């Protein structure tokens, strides 16, 4: 079939050639140029009436960023390794094995607040009685915290007696039977009573003996919200020794604002003297006469601290008559050398 054949009938094949004269023009699109404008619909119920449209309000201005306030712990050397002091109104975890110095560190934190910075404190005891704490601090460091209790500047909250089902003569005590709700209520009451700015809870291990990880996390979160709402800087003491217990790490370490970890190990200490021996033929030599002994070595590190720079090194610390003293310089490994040299012959 030739494309020039004009006499072919109309075909339904869409790909077949069709004579333009055969097109059905009755279905041709109308002329849109004469359509009324949008303005002509106003008031006729047709079209979109945007007369009531209101532009969205601009978002409120964000509060300006403020410099975080710090408090001084008063523990020599410690504030230097945490960027100038702990951040106020936050909760920190103080962790370490038995004998590392956690109770001394936390007690010194409270005692320095009372004696140096005019900040009242609450100390919650769950593993020793209040009287044991008073006697230990007085005999070890001559810290008489009882006088600050009498003046209303400090409260020792007895939580161990009710936990063990024992009677207590303390003024501030968690009632029996011991429950976490009762503990939280008494902590809140103690903070309000003495208007505390520093709080120590010693320790989380006693609080979490029968709790699942989910319940413990919920407890710590509620506790931190209560403490922060009252403007308290808090140390939560934990007997967690290292990172090997990943279950515990997933609970308290991720909830708190910072972490201070104490270590103590038994290490060999070398002492002695070095002498110079002269030998004209073979040369001079330095001879060392030394002896070694085992001693307890304590160190502190800061694995986590939100909102501030901090040291990433291990720092030695000692427990003396005035409490804990941290060496702000990182620990340096010492090496001993023996030198042999020959004297220069003189003619």
C-alpha atoms as a PDB file:
ATOM      1  CA  UNK A   1       0.000   0.000   0.000  1.00  0.00           C
ATOM      2  CA  UNK A   2       1.329   3.355  -1.002  1.00  0.00           C
ATOM      3  CA  UNK A   3       1.425   6.327   1.372  1.00  0.00           C
ATOM      4  CA  UNK A   4       0.291   8.442  -1.573  1.00  0.00           C
ATOM      5  CA  UNK A   5      -2.994   6.637  -1.952  1.00  0.00           C
ATOM      6  CA  UNK A   6      -5.589   9.141  -0.745  1.00  0.00           C
ATOM      7  CA  UNK A   7      -8.577   6.849  -1.301  1.00  0.00           C
ATOM      8  CA  UNK A   8      -7.804   4.248   1.351  1.00  0.00           C
ATOM      9  CA  UNK A   9     -10.491   3.774   3.963  1.00  0.00           C
ATOM     10  CA  UNK A  10      -9.934   4.959   7.565  1.00  0.00           C
ATOM     11  CA  UNK A  11      -7.956   2.393   9.539  1.00  0.00           C
ATOM     12  CA  UNK A  12      -8.200   1.647  13.271  1.00  0.00           C
ATOM     13  CA  UNK A  13      -4.540   0.755  13.300  1.00  0.00           C
ATOM     14  CA  UNK A  14      -2.867   3.552  15.315  1.00  0.00           C
ATOM     15  CA  UNK A  15       0.343   3.040  13.381  1.00  0.00           C
ATOM     16  CA  UNK A  16      -1.309   3.200   9.974  1.00  0.00           C
ATOM     17  CA  UNK A  17      -1.207   6.377   7.967  1.00  0.00           C
ATOM     18  CA  UNK A  18      -4.387   8.446   8.092  1.00  0.00           C
ATOM     19  CA  UNK A  19      -5.376  11.346   5.947  1.00  0.00           C
ATOM     20  CA  UNK A  20      -5.557  14.508   8.079  1.00  0.00           C
ATOM     21  CA  UNK A  21      -8.794  15.339   6.309  1.00  0.00           C
ATOM     22  CA  UNK A  22     -10.324  12.233   7.819  1.00  0.00           C
ATOM     23  CA  UNK A  23      -9.649  13.287  11.447  1.00  0.00           C
ATOM     24  CA  UNK A  24     -12.644  13.769  13.738  1.00  0.00           C
ATOM     25  CA  UNK A  25     -12.321  17.390  14.880  1.00  0.00           C
ATOM     26  CA  UNK A  26     -15.306  17.203  17.200  1.00  0.00           C
ATOM     27  CA  UNK A  27     -13.015  16.034  20.044  1.00  0.00           C
ATOM     28  CA  UNK A  28     -10.340  18.661  19.512  1.00  0.00           C
ATOM     29  CA  UNK A  29      -9.251  20.487  22.736  1.00  0.00           C
ATOM     30  CA  UNK A  30     -10.987  23.750  23.397  1.00  0.00           C
ATOM     31  CA  UNK A  31      -9.333  27.101  23.342  1.00  0.00           C
ATOM     32  CA  UNK A  32      -8.081  27.900  26.873  1.00  0.00           C
ATOM     33  CA  UNK A  33      -7.047  31.428  26.105  1.00  0.00           C
ATOM     34  CA  UNK A  34     -10.491  32.779  26.946  1.00  0.00           C
ATOM     35  CA  UNK A  35     -10.801  31.075  30.318  1.00  0.00           C
ATOM     36  CA  UNK A  36     -11.698  33.450  33.168  1.00  0.00           C
ATOM     37  CA  UNK A  37      -8.896  34.425  35.501  1.00  0.00           C
ATOM     38  CA  UNK A  38      -8.617  33.163  39.058  1.00  0.00           C
ATOM     39  CA  UNK A  39      -9.756  36.531  40.409  1.00  0.00           C
ATOM     40  CA  UNK A  40     -13.174  36.095  38.753  1.00  0.00           C
ATOM     41  CA  UNK A  41     -13.918  33.135  40.997  1.00  0.00           C
ATOM     42  CA  UNK A  42     -13.594  35.112  44.196  1.00  0.00           C
ATOM     43  CA  UNK A  43     -16.905  35.319  46.036  1.00  0.00           C
ATOM     44  CA  UNK A  44     -18.554  32.646  43.840  1.00  0.00           C
ATOM     45  CA  UNK A  45     -17.582  29.621  45.933  1.00  0.00           C
ATOM     46  CA  UNK A  46     -15.193  28.463  43.262  1.00  0.00           C
ATOM     47  CA  UNK A  47     -11.418  28.384  43.310  1.00  0.00           C
ATOM     48  CA  UNK A  48      -9.169  28.719  46.375  1.00  0.00           C
ATOM     49  CA  UNK A  49      -9.822  31.568  48.772  1.00  0.00           C
ATOM     50  CA  UNK A  50      -6.583  32.408  50.559  1.00  0.00           C
ATOM     51  CA  UNK A  51      -7.875  35.498  52.293  1.00  0.00           C
ATOM     52  CA  UNK A  52      -7.735  33.733  55.679  1.00  0.00           C
ATOM     53  CA  UNK A  53      -4.232  32.365  55.140  1.00  0.00           C
ATOM     54  CA  UNK A  54      -1.741  33.184  57.897  1.00  0.00           C
ATOM     55  CA  UNK A  55       1.969  32.851  57.432  1.00  0.00           C
ATOM     56  CA  UNK A  56       3.639  30.476  59.922  1.00  0.00           C
ATOM     57  CA  UNK A  57       5.209  32.188  62.884  1.00  0.00           C
ATOM     58  CA  UNK A  58       8.961  32.292  63.107  1.00  0.00           C
ATOM     59  CA  UNK A  59      10.370  29.792  65.618  1.00  0.00           C
ATOM     60  CA  UNK A  60      11.266  31.126  69.022  1.00  0.00           C
ATOM     61  CA  UNK A  61      14.867  32.097  69.457  1.00  0.00           C
ATOM     62  CA  UNK A  62      17.015  29.413  70.997  1.00  0.00           C
ATOM     63  CA  UNK A  63      18.417  30.226  74.420  1.00  0.00           C
ATOM     64  CA  UNK A  64      21.957  31.489  74.254  1.00  0.00           C
ATOM     65  CA  UNK A  65      24.692  29.050  75.182  1.00  0.00           C
ATOM     66  CA  UNK A  66      26.094  29.540  78.650  1.00  0.00           C
ATOM     67  CA  UNK A  67      29.496  28.670  80.020  1.00  0.00           C
ATOM     68  CA  UNK A  68      29.152  25.617  82.261  1.00  0.00           C
ATOM     69  CA  UNK A  69      29.779  26.294  85.928  1.00  0.00           C
ATOM     70  CA  UNK A  70      32.353  24.220  87.754  1.00  0.00           C
ATOM     71  CA  UNK A  71      32.877  23.325  91.363  1.00  0.00           C
ATOM     72  CA  UNK A  72      36.177  22.629  93.036  1.00  0.00           C
ATOM     73  CA  UNK A  73      36.485  19.200  94.613  1.00  0.00           C
ATOM     74  CA  UNK A  74      39.257  20.456  96.890  1.00  0.00           C
ATOM     75  CA  UNK A  75      41.166  17.203  96.325  1.00  0.00           C
ATOM     76  CA  UNK A  76      44.746  18.244  95.478  1.00  0.00           C
ATOM     77  CA  UNK A  77      45.592  17.554  91.842  1.00  0.00           C
ATOM     78  CA  UNK A  78      42.176  16.177  90.871  1.00  0.00           C
ATOM     79  CA  UNK A  79      40.603  19.347  89.507  1.00  0.00           C
ATOM     80  CA  UNK A  80      43.547  19.831  87.160  1.00  0.00           C
ATOM     81  CA  UNK A  81      42.953  16.506  85.385  1.00  0.00           C
ATOM     82  CA  UNK A  82      39.231  17.206  84.805  1.00  0.00           C
ATOM     83  CA  UNK A  83      39.688  20.547  83.105  1.00  0.00           C
ATOM     84  CA  UNK A  84      39.378  22.773  86.166  1.00  0.00           C
ATOM     85  CA  UNK A  85      36.775  21.002  88.292  1.00  0.00           C
ATOM     86  CA  UNK A  86      33.577  18.986  88.055  1.00  0.00           C
ATOM     87  CA  UNK A  87      30.634  20.553  86.240  1.00  0.00           C
ATOM     88  CA  UNK A  88      27.972  21.700  88.673  1.00  0.00           C
ATOM     89  CA  UNK A  89      24.582  19.928  88.932  1.00  0.00           C
ATOM     90  CA  UNK A  90      25.736  16.727  87.275  1.00  0.00           C
ATOM     91  CA  UNK A  91      26.036  13.095  88.335  1.00  0.00           C
ATOM     92  CA  UNK A  92      29.332  11.205  88.266  1.00  0.00           C
ATOM     93  CA  UNK A  93      30.225   7.576  88.783  1.00  0.00           C
ATOM     94  CA  UNK A  94      33.134   6.824  91.115  1.00  0.00           C
ATOM     95  CA  UNK A  95      34.206   3.242  90.433  1.00  0.00           C
ATOM     96  CA  UNK A  96      36.932   0.965  91.661  1.00  0.00           C
ATOM     97  CA  UNK A  97      37.666  -2.271  93.524  1.00  0.00           C
ATOM     98  CA  UNK A  98      37.583  -2.676  97.294  1.00  0.00           C
ATOM     99  CA  UNK A  99      40.425  -0.803  98.959  1.00  0.00           C
ATOM    100  CA  UNK A 100      40.998   1.611  96.078  1.00  0.00           C
ATOM    101  CA  UNK A 101      39.974   4.654  98.159  1.00  0.00           C
ATOM    102  CA  UNK A 102      36.410   5.321  96.964  1.00  0.00           C
ATOM    103  CA  UNK A 103      34.963   6.150 100.393  1.00  0.00           C
ATOM    104  CA  UNK A 104      37.919   8.409 101.206  1.00  0.00           C
ATOM    105  CA  UNK A 105      37.580  10.213  97.872  1.00  0.00           C
ATOM    106  CA  UNK A 106      33.818  10.740  98.239  1.00  0.00           C
ATOM    107  CA  UNK A 107      34.084  11.755 101.921  1.00  0.00           C
ATOM    108  CA  UNK A 108      36.824  14.242 101.069  1.00  0.00           C
ATOM    109  CA  UNK A 109      34.578  15.649  98.340  1.00  0.00           C
ATOM    110  CA  UNK A 110      31.800  16.258 100.896  1.00  0.00           C
ATOM    111  CA  UNK A 111      34.133  17.465 103.666  1.00  0.00           C
ATOM    112  CA  UNK A 112      35.876  19.990 101.409  1.00  0.00           C
ATOM    113  CA  UNK A 113      32.493  21.339 100.353  1.00  0.00           C
ATOM    114  CA  UNK A 114      31.632  21.971 104.001  1.00  0.00           C
ATOM    115  CA  UNK A 115      34.954  23.396 105.120  1.00  0.00           C
ATOM    116  CA  UNK A 116      36.223  25.234 102.030  1.00  0.00           C
ATOM    117  CA  UNK A 117      33.351  26.110  99.711  1.00  0.00           C
ATOM    118  CA  UNK A 118      30.318  26.608 101.973  1.00  0.00           C
ATOM    119  CA  UNK A 119      28.326  23.850 100.256  1.00  0.00           C
ATOM    120  CA  UNK A 120      26.161  21.555 102.362  1.00  0.00           C
ATOM    121  CA  UNK A 121      26.149  17.833 101.728  1.00  0.00           C
ATOM    122  CA  UNK A 122      24.235  14.563 102.034  1.00  0.00           C
ATOM    123  CA  UNK A 123      26.018  11.237 102.431  1.00  0.00           C
ATOM    124  CA  UNK A 124      23.869   8.116 101.901  1.00  0.00           C
ATOM    125  CA  UNK A 125      25.393   4.993 103.477  1.00  0.00           C
ATOM    126  CA  UNK A 126      24.293   1.554 102.301  1.00  0.00           C
ATOM    127  CA  UNK A 127      27.347  -0.547 103.220  1.00  0.00           C
ATOM    128  CA  UNK A 128      28.515   0.823 106.596  1.00  0.00           C
ATOM    129  CA  UNK A 129      26.720   2.503 109.476  1.00  0.00           C
ATOM    130  CA  UNK A 130      26.857   6.285 109.921  1.00  0.00           C
ATOM    131  CA  UNK A 131      28.779   5.850 113.167  1.00  0.00           C
ATOM    132  CA  UNK A 132      31.416   3.730 111.450  1.00  0.00           C
ATOM    133  CA  UNK A 133      31.845   6.424 108.815  1.00  0.00           C
ATOM    134  CA  UNK A 134      32.252   9.138 111.457  1.00  0.00           C
ATOM    135  CA  UNK A 135      34.818   7.144 113.446  1.00  0.00           C
ATOM    136  CA  UNK A 136      36.853   6.095 110.419  1.00  0.00           C
ATOM    137  CA  UNK A 137      37.142   9.640 109.061  1.00  0.00           C
ATOM    138  CA  UNK A 138      37.982  11.119 112.455  1.00  0.00           C
ATOM    139  CA  UNK A 139      40.662   8.572 113.306  1.00  0.00           C
ATOM    140  CA  UNK A 140      42.235   8.506 109.847  1.00  0.00           C
ATOM    141  CA  UNK A 141      42.175  12.205 108.905  1.00  0.00           C
ATOM    142  CA  UNK A 142      40.822  14.071 111.953  1.00  0.00           C
ATOM    143  CA  UNK A 143      37.668  15.016 110.035  1.00  0.00           C
ATOM    144  CA  UNK A 144      34.919  15.589 112.591  1.00  0.00           C
ATOM    145  CA  UNK A 145      31.850  15.539 110.377  1.00  0.00           C
ATOM    146  CA  UNK A 146      29.573  15.221 113.401  1.00  0.00           C
ATOM    147  CA  UNK A 147      29.904  18.938 114.125  1.00  0.00           C
ATOM    148  CA  UNK A 148      28.479  19.741 110.675  1.00  0.00           C
ATOM    149  CA  UNK A 149      25.605  17.354 111.283  1.00  0.00           C
ATOM    150  CA  UNK A 150      24.807  19.180 114.520  1.00  0.00           C
ATOM    151  CA  UNK A 151      24.822  22.539 112.734  1.00  0.00           C
ATOM    152  CA  UNK A 152      22.469  21.244 110.026  1.00  0.00           C
ATOM    153  CA  UNK A 153      25.002  21.565 107.203  1.00  0.00           C
ATOM    154  CA  UNK A 154      25.351  17.842 106.606  1.00  0.00           C
ATOM    155  CA  UNK A 155      23.106  14.782 106.765  1.00  0.00           C
ATOM    156  CA  UNK A 156      24.220  11.167 106.869  1.00  0.00           C
ATOM    157  CA  UNK A 157      21.246   9.137 105.672  1.00  0.00           C
ATOM    158  CA  UNK A 158      21.190   5.661 107.224  1.00  0.00           C
ATOM    159  CA  UNK A 159      20.017   3.273 104.507  1.00  0.00           C
ATOM    160  CA  UNK A 160      21.890   0.182 105.674  1.00  0.00           C
ATOM    161  CA  UNK A 161      19.881  -0.475 108.847  1.00  0.00           C
ATOM    162  CA  UNK A 162      16.537  -0.895 107.137  1.00  0.00           C
ATOM    163  CA  UNK A 163      18.148  -2.799 104.276  1.00  0.00           C
ATOM    164  CA  UNK A 164      19.485  -5.343 106.790  1.00  0.00           C
ATOM    165  CA  UNK A 165      16.373  -5.202 108.971  1.00  0.00           C
ATOM    166  CA  UNK A 166      18.136  -3.600 111.938  1.00  0.00           C
ATOM    167  CA  UNK A 167      17.034  -0.907 114.349  1.00  0.00           C
ATOM    168  CA  UNK A 168      18.649   2.525 114.082  1.00  0.00           C
ATOM    169  CA  UNK A 169      19.090   5.450 116.444  1.00  0.00           C
ATOM    170  CA  UNK A 170      19.969   7.835 113.625  1.00  0.00           C
ATOM    171  CA  UNK A 171      17.909  10.937 113.034  1.00  0.00           C
ATOM    172  CA  UNK A 172      17.757  10.393 109.284  1.00  0.00           C
ATOM    173  CA  UNK A 173      17.019   6.788 108.366  1.00  0.00           C
ATOM    174  CA  UNK A 174      15.158   4.956 105.609  1.00  0.00           C
ATOM    175  CA  UNK A 175      12.137   3.293 107.257  1.00  0.00           C
ATOM    176  CA  UNK A 176      11.528  -0.424 107.213  1.00  0.00           C
ATOM    177  CA  UNK A 177      10.790  -2.349 105.109  1.00  0.00           C
ATOM    178  CA  UNK A 178      13.516  -1.131 102.766  1.00  0.00           C
ATOM    179  CA  UNK A 179      12.203  -0.217  99.319  1.00  0.00           C
ATOM    180  CA  UNK A 180      13.718   1.800  96.511  1.00  0.00           C
ATOM    181  CA  UNK A 181      10.758   4.158  96.583  1.00  0.00           C
ATOM    182  CA  UNK A 182      11.360   4.843 100.276  1.00  0.00           C
ATOM    183  CA  UNK A 183      15.064   5.371  99.598  1.00  0.00           C
ATOM    184  CA  UNK A 184      14.404   7.904  96.835  1.00  0.00           C
ATOM    185  CA  UNK A 185      11.903   9.752  99.027  1.00  0.00           C
ATOM    186  CA  UNK A 186      14.324   9.990 101.990  1.00  0.00           C
ATOM    187  CA  UNK A 187      17.166  11.165  99.732  1.00  0.00           C
ATOM    188  CA  UNK A 188      14.923  13.919  98.394  1.00  0.00           C
ATOM    189  CA  UNK A 189      13.843  14.894 101.916  1.00  0.00           C
ATOM    190  CA  UNK A 190      17.435  15.025 103.165  1.00  0.00           C
ATOM    191  CA  UNK A 191      18.500  17.253 100.257  1.00  0.00           C
ATOM    192  CA  UNK A 192      15.657  19.663 100.934  1.00  0.00           C
ATOM    193  CA  UNK A 193      16.262  19.684 104.691  1.00  0.00           C
ATOM    194  CA  UNK A 194      19.881  20.827 104.581  1.00  0.00           C
ATOM    195  CA  UNK A 195      19.747  22.462 101.124  1.00  0.00           C
ATOM    196  CA  UNK A 196      22.543  20.210  99.952  1.00  0.00           C
ATOM    197  CA  UNK A 197      24.682  21.010  96.930  1.00  0.00           C
ATOM    198  CA  UNK A 198      26.864  17.889  97.147  1.00  0.00           C
ATOM    199  CA  UNK A 199      25.570  14.330  97.440  1.00  0.00           C
ATOM    200  CA  UNK A 200      27.296  10.952  97.759  1.00  0.00           C
ATOM    201  CA  UNK A 201      25.506   7.602  97.471  1.00  0.00           C
ATOM    202  CA  UNK A 202      27.704   4.788  98.760  1.00  0.00           C
ATOM    203  CA  UNK A 203      27.080   2.508  97.039  1.00  0.00           C
ATOM    204  CA  UNK A 204      25.142   1.459  93.948  1.00  0.00           C
ATOM    205  CA  UNK A 205      26.115  -2.165  94.501  1.00  0.00           C
ATOM    206  CA  UNK A 206      23.966  -2.398  97.622  1.00  0.00           C
ATOM    207  CA  UNK A 207      21.047  -0.702  95.852  1.00  0.00           C
ATOM    208  CA  UNK A 208      21.114  -3.048  92.869  1.00  0.00           C
ATOM    209  CA  UNK A 209      21.500  -6.458  94.498  1.00  0.00           C
ATOM    210  CA  UNK A 210      18.071  -7.679  93.414  1.00  0.00           C
ATOM    211  CA  UNK A 211      17.477  -5.476  90.376  1.00  0.00           C
ATOM    212  CA  UNK A 212      17.559  -6.387  86.724  1.00  0.00           C
ATOM    213  CA  UNK A 213      19.575  -4.258  84.330  1.00  0.00           C
ATOM    214  CA  UNK A 214      16.386  -2.585  83.067  1.00  0.00           C
ATOM    215  CA  UNK A 215      15.203  -1.753  86.597  1.00  0.00           C
ATOM    216  CA  UNK A 216      18.664  -0.535  87.594  1.00  0.00           C
ATOM    217  CA  UNK A 217      18.869   1.758  84.585  1.00  0.00           C
ATOM    218  CA  UNK A 218      15.415   3.150  85.364  1.00  0.00           C
ATOM    219  CA  UNK A 219      16.400   3.678  89.001  1.00  0.00           C
ATOM    220  CA  UNK A 220      19.592   5.544  88.126  1.00  0.00           C
ATOM    221  CA  UNK A 221      17.765   7.703  85.584  1.00  0.00           C
ATOM    222  CA  UNK A 222      15.106   8.655  88.130  1.00  0.00           C
ATOM    223  CA  UNK A 223      17.763   9.283  90.747  1.00  0.00           C
ATOM    224  CA  UNK A 224      19.799  11.520  88.442  1.00  0.00           C
ATOM    225  CA  UNK A 225      16.697  13.552  87.537  1.00  0.00           C
ATOM    226  CA  UNK A 226      15.906  14.110  91.226  1.00  0.00           C
ATOM    227  CA  UNK A 227      19.471  15.117  92.032  1.00  0.00           C
ATOM    228  CA  UNK A 228      19.776  17.490  89.081  1.00  0.00           C
ATOM    229  CA  UNK A 229      16.415  19.106  89.817  1.00  0.00           C
ATOM    230  CA  UNK A 230      17.763  20.164  93.222  1.00  0.00           C
ATOM    231  CA  UNK A 231      21.021  21.489  91.770  1.00  0.00           C
ATOM    232  CA  UNK A 232      23.228  18.813  93.346  1.00  0.00           C
ATOM    233  CA  UNK A 233      26.615  17.606  92.160  1.00  0.00           C
ATOM    234  CA  UNK A 234      26.644  13.903  92.954  1.00  0.00           C
ATOM    235  CA  UNK A 235      29.052  10.990  93.223  1.00  0.00           C
ATOM    236  CA  UNK A 236      27.560   7.523  92.763  1.00  0.00           C
ATOM    237  CA  UNK A 237      29.997   5.019  94.261  1.00  0.00           C
ATOM    238  CA  UNK A 238      30.333   1.621  92.594  1.00  0.00           C
ATOM    239  CA  UNK A 239      32.534  -1.360  93.327  1.00  0.00           C
ATOM    240  CA  UNK A 240      32.936  -1.999  89.630  1.00  0.00           C
ATOM    241  CA  UNK A 241      36.601  -2.830  89.186  1.00  0.00           C
ATOM    242  CA  UNK A 242      37.137  -2.781  85.425  1.00  0.00           C
ATOM    243  CA  UNK A 243      35.475  -2.991  82.043  1.00  0.00           C
ATOM    244  CA  UNK A 244      35.242  -6.787  82.039  1.00  0.00           C
ATOM    245  CA  UNK A 245      31.676  -6.730  83.354  1.00  0.00           C
ATOM    246  CA  UNK A 246      29.966  -5.436  80.258  1.00  0.00           C
ATOM    247  CA  UNK A 247      26.487  -5.875  81.731  1.00  0.00           C
ATOM    248  CA  UNK A 248      27.139  -3.359  84.460  1.00  0.00           C
ATOM    249  CA  UNK A 249      28.920  -1.055  82.076  1.00  0.00           C
ATOM    250  CA  UNK A 250      25.818  -0.920  79.890  1.00  0.00           C
ATOM    251  CA  UNK A 251      23.800   0.392  82.822  1.00  0.00           C
ATOM    252  CA  UNK A 252      25.468   3.029  84.970  1.00  0.00           C
ATOM    253  CA  UNK A 253      28.342   4.178  82.764  1.00  0.00           C
ATOM    254  CA  UNK A 254      25.998   5.252  79.962  1.00  0.00           C
ATOM    255  CA  UNK A 255      23.552   7.075  82.255  1.00  0.00           C
ATOM    256  CA  UNK A 256      25.926   9.277  84.267  1.00  0.00           C
ATOM    257  CA  UNK A 257      27.596  12.461  83.013  1.00  0.00           C
ATOM    258  CA  UNK A 258      31.127  11.395  83.868  1.00  0.00           C
ATOM    259  CA  UNK A 259      33.200   8.635  85.356  1.00  0.00           C
ATOM    260  CA  UNK A 260      36.177   8.532  87.701  1.00  0.00           C
ATOM    261  CA  UNK A 261      37.924   5.179  88.055  1.00  0.00           C
ATOM    262  CA  UNK A 262      40.349   4.258  90.831  1.00  0.00           C
ATOM    263  CA  UNK A 263      42.901   1.448  90.558  1.00  0.00           C
ATOM    264  CA  UNK A 264      45.246  -0.198  93.005  1.00  0.00           C
ATOM    265  CA  UNK A 265      47.810  -2.880  92.277  1.00  0.00           C
ATOM    266  CA  UNK A 266      50.712  -4.510  94.044  1.00  0.00           C
ATOM    267  CA  UNK A 267      53.926  -3.408  92.363  1.00  0.00           C
ATOM    268  CA  UNK A 268      57.635  -3.832  92.936  1.00  0.00           C
ATOM    269  CA  UNK A 269      59.482  -0.780  94.202  1.00  0.00           C
ATOM    270  CA  UNK A 270      63.247  -0.593  93.620  1.00  0.00           C
ATOM    271  CA  UNK A 271      65.488   1.409  95.946  1.00  0.00           C
ATOM    272  CA  UNK A 272      69.234   1.610  96.480  1.00  0.00           C
ATOM    273  CA  UNK A 273      72.333   3.633  95.800  1.00  0.00           C
ATOM    274  CA  UNK A 274      74.772   4.055  92.930  1.00  0.00           C
ATOM    275  CA  UNK A 275      78.546   4.333  93.454  1.00  0.00           C
ATOM    276  CA  UNK A 276      81.420   5.232  91.169  1.00  0.00           C
ATOM    277  CA  UNK A 277      84.318   2.773  91.083  1.00  0.00           C
ATOM    278  CA  UNK A 278      87.553   3.834  89.489  1.00  0.00           C
ATOM    279  CA  UNK A 279      89.809   1.422  87.636  1.00  0.00           C
ATOM    280  CA  UNK A 280      92.786   2.948  85.839  1.00  0.00           C
ATOM    281  CA  UNK A 281      93.285  -0.024  83.546  1.00  0.00           C
ATOM    282  CA  UNK A 282      89.748  -1.078  82.629  1.00  0.00           C
ATOM    283  CA  UNK A 283      88.029   2.277  83.038  1.00  0.00           C
ATOM    284  CA  UNK A 284      85.572   3.713  85.507  1.00  0.00           C
ATOM    285  CA  UNK A 285      82.166   2.141  86.144  1.00  0.00           C
ATOM    286  CA  UNK A 286      78.940   2.980  87.947  1.00  0.00           C
ATOM    287  CA  UNK A 287      77.926   0.186  90.308  1.00  0.00           C
ATOM    288  CA  UNK A 288      74.404   0.007  91.627  1.00  0.00           C
ATOM    289  CA  UNK A 289      73.440  -1.588  94.925  1.00  0.00           C
ATOM    290  CA  UNK A 290      69.662  -1.898  94.981  1.00  0.00           C
ATOM    291  CA  UNK A 291      66.865  -3.810  96.664  1.00  0.00           C
ATOM    292  CA  UNK A 292      63.210  -4.339  95.772  1.00  0.00           C
ATOM    293  CA  UNK A 293      60.042  -4.499  97.838  1.00  0.00           C
ATOM    294  CA  UNK A 294      56.339  -4.919  97.117  1.00  0.00           C
ATOM    295  CA  UNK A 295      54.044  -1.968  97.757  1.00  0.00           C
ATOM    296  CA  UNK A 296      50.496  -0.892  96.921  1.00  0.00           C
ATOM    297  CA  UNK A 297      50.321   1.485  93.976  1.00  0.00           C
ATOM    298  CA  UNK A 298      47.182   3.573  93.386  1.00  0.00           C
ATOM    299  CA  UNK A 299      46.173   5.305  90.181  1.00  0.00           C
ATOM    300  CA  UNK A 300      43.231   7.349  88.914  1.00  0.00           C
ATOM    301  CA  UNK A 301      41.838   7.812  85.414  1.00  0.00           C
ATOM    302  CA  UNK A 302      38.941   9.677  83.791  1.00  0.00           C
ATOM    303  CA  UNK A 303      37.321   7.409  81.154  1.00  0.00           C
ATOM    304  CA  UNK A 304      34.378   9.745  80.537  1.00  0.00           C
ATOM    305  CA  UNK A 305      33.546  13.380  81.240  1.00  0.00           C
ATOM    306  CA  UNK A 306      30.795  15.165  79.303  1.00  0.00           C
ATOM    307  CA  UNK A 307      31.081  18.865  78.596  1.00  0.00           C
ATOM    308  CA  UNK A 308      34.760  19.293  79.397  1.00  0.00           C
ATOM    309  CA  UNK A 309      38.214  18.247  78.350  1.00  0.00           C
ATOM    310  CA  UNK A 310      40.036  15.890  80.679  1.00  0.00           C
ATOM    311  CA  UNK A 311      43.207  13.889  81.007  1.00  0.00           C
ATOM    312  CA  UNK A 312      43.442  10.581  79.153  1.00  0.00           C
ATOM    313  CA  UNK A 313      46.369   9.314  81.211  1.00  0.00           C
ATOM    314  CA  UNK A 314      46.737   7.285  84.363  1.00  0.00           C
ATOM    315  CA  UNK A 315      47.722   9.494  87.284  1.00  0.00           C
ATOM    316  CA  UNK A 316      49.253   8.204  90.514  1.00  0.00           C
ATOM    317  CA  UNK A 317      47.663   9.261  93.784  1.00  0.00           C
ATOM    318  CA  UNK A 318      48.546   8.716  97.418  1.00  0.00           C
ATOM    319  CA  UNK A 319      46.507   8.564 100.609  1.00  0.00           C
ATOM    320  CA  UNK A 320      48.146  10.654 103.294  1.00  0.00           C
ATOM    321  CA  UNK A 321      47.223  12.332 106.539  1.00  0.00           C
ATOM    322  CA  UNK A 322      45.156  14.953 104.684  1.00  0.00           C
ATOM    323  CA  UNK A 323      43.363  12.471 102.473  1.00  0.00           C
ATOM    324  CA  UNK A 324      43.905  11.802  98.784  1.00  0.00           C
ATOM    325  CA  UNK A 325      46.450  13.725  96.735  1.00  0.00           C
ATOM    326  CA  UNK A 326      46.506  13.210  92.958  1.00  0.00           C
ATOM    327  CA  UNK A 327      49.685  13.696  90.956  1.00  0.00           C
ATOM    328  CA  UNK A 328      48.482  15.871  88.115  1.00  0.00           C
ATOM    329  CA  UNK A 329      51.430  14.855  85.936  1.00  0.00           C
ATOM    330  CA  UNK A 330      50.870  11.550  84.065  1.00  0.00           C
ATOM    331  CA  UNK A 331      52.628   8.461  85.325  1.00  0.00           C
ATOM    332  CA  UNK A 332      56.072   8.044  83.791  1.00  0.00           C
ATOM    333  CA  UNK A 333      57.895   4.733  83.592  1.00  0.00           C
ATOM    334  CA  UNK A 334      61.286   4.982  85.249  1.00  0.00           C
ATOM    335  CA  UNK A 335      64.305   3.201  83.809  1.00  0.00           C
ATOM    336  CA  UNK A 336      67.646   2.585  85.455  1.00  0.00           C
ATOM    337  CA  UNK A 337      70.828   2.648  83.398  1.00  0.00           C
ATOM    338  CA  UNK A 338      74.376   1.524  84.086  1.00  0.00           C
ATOM    339  CA  UNK A 339      77.137   3.550  82.441  1.00  0.00           C
ATOM    340  CA  UNK A 340      80.729   2.426  81.826  1.00  0.00           C
ATOM    341  CA  UNK A 341      83.335   4.913  80.652  1.00  0.00           C
ATOM    342  CA  UNK A 342      87.115   5.223  80.520  1.00  0.00           C
ATOM    343  CA  UNK A 343      89.158   8.028  81.980  1.00  0.00           C
ATOM    344  CA  UNK A 344      91.226  10.029  79.539  1.00  0.00           C
ATOM    345  CA  UNK A 345      94.957   9.451  79.990  1.00  0.00           C
ATOM    346  CA  UNK A 346      96.945  12.594  80.694  1.00  0.00           C
ATOM    347  CA  UNK A 347     100.665  12.719  79.753  1.00  0.00           C
END
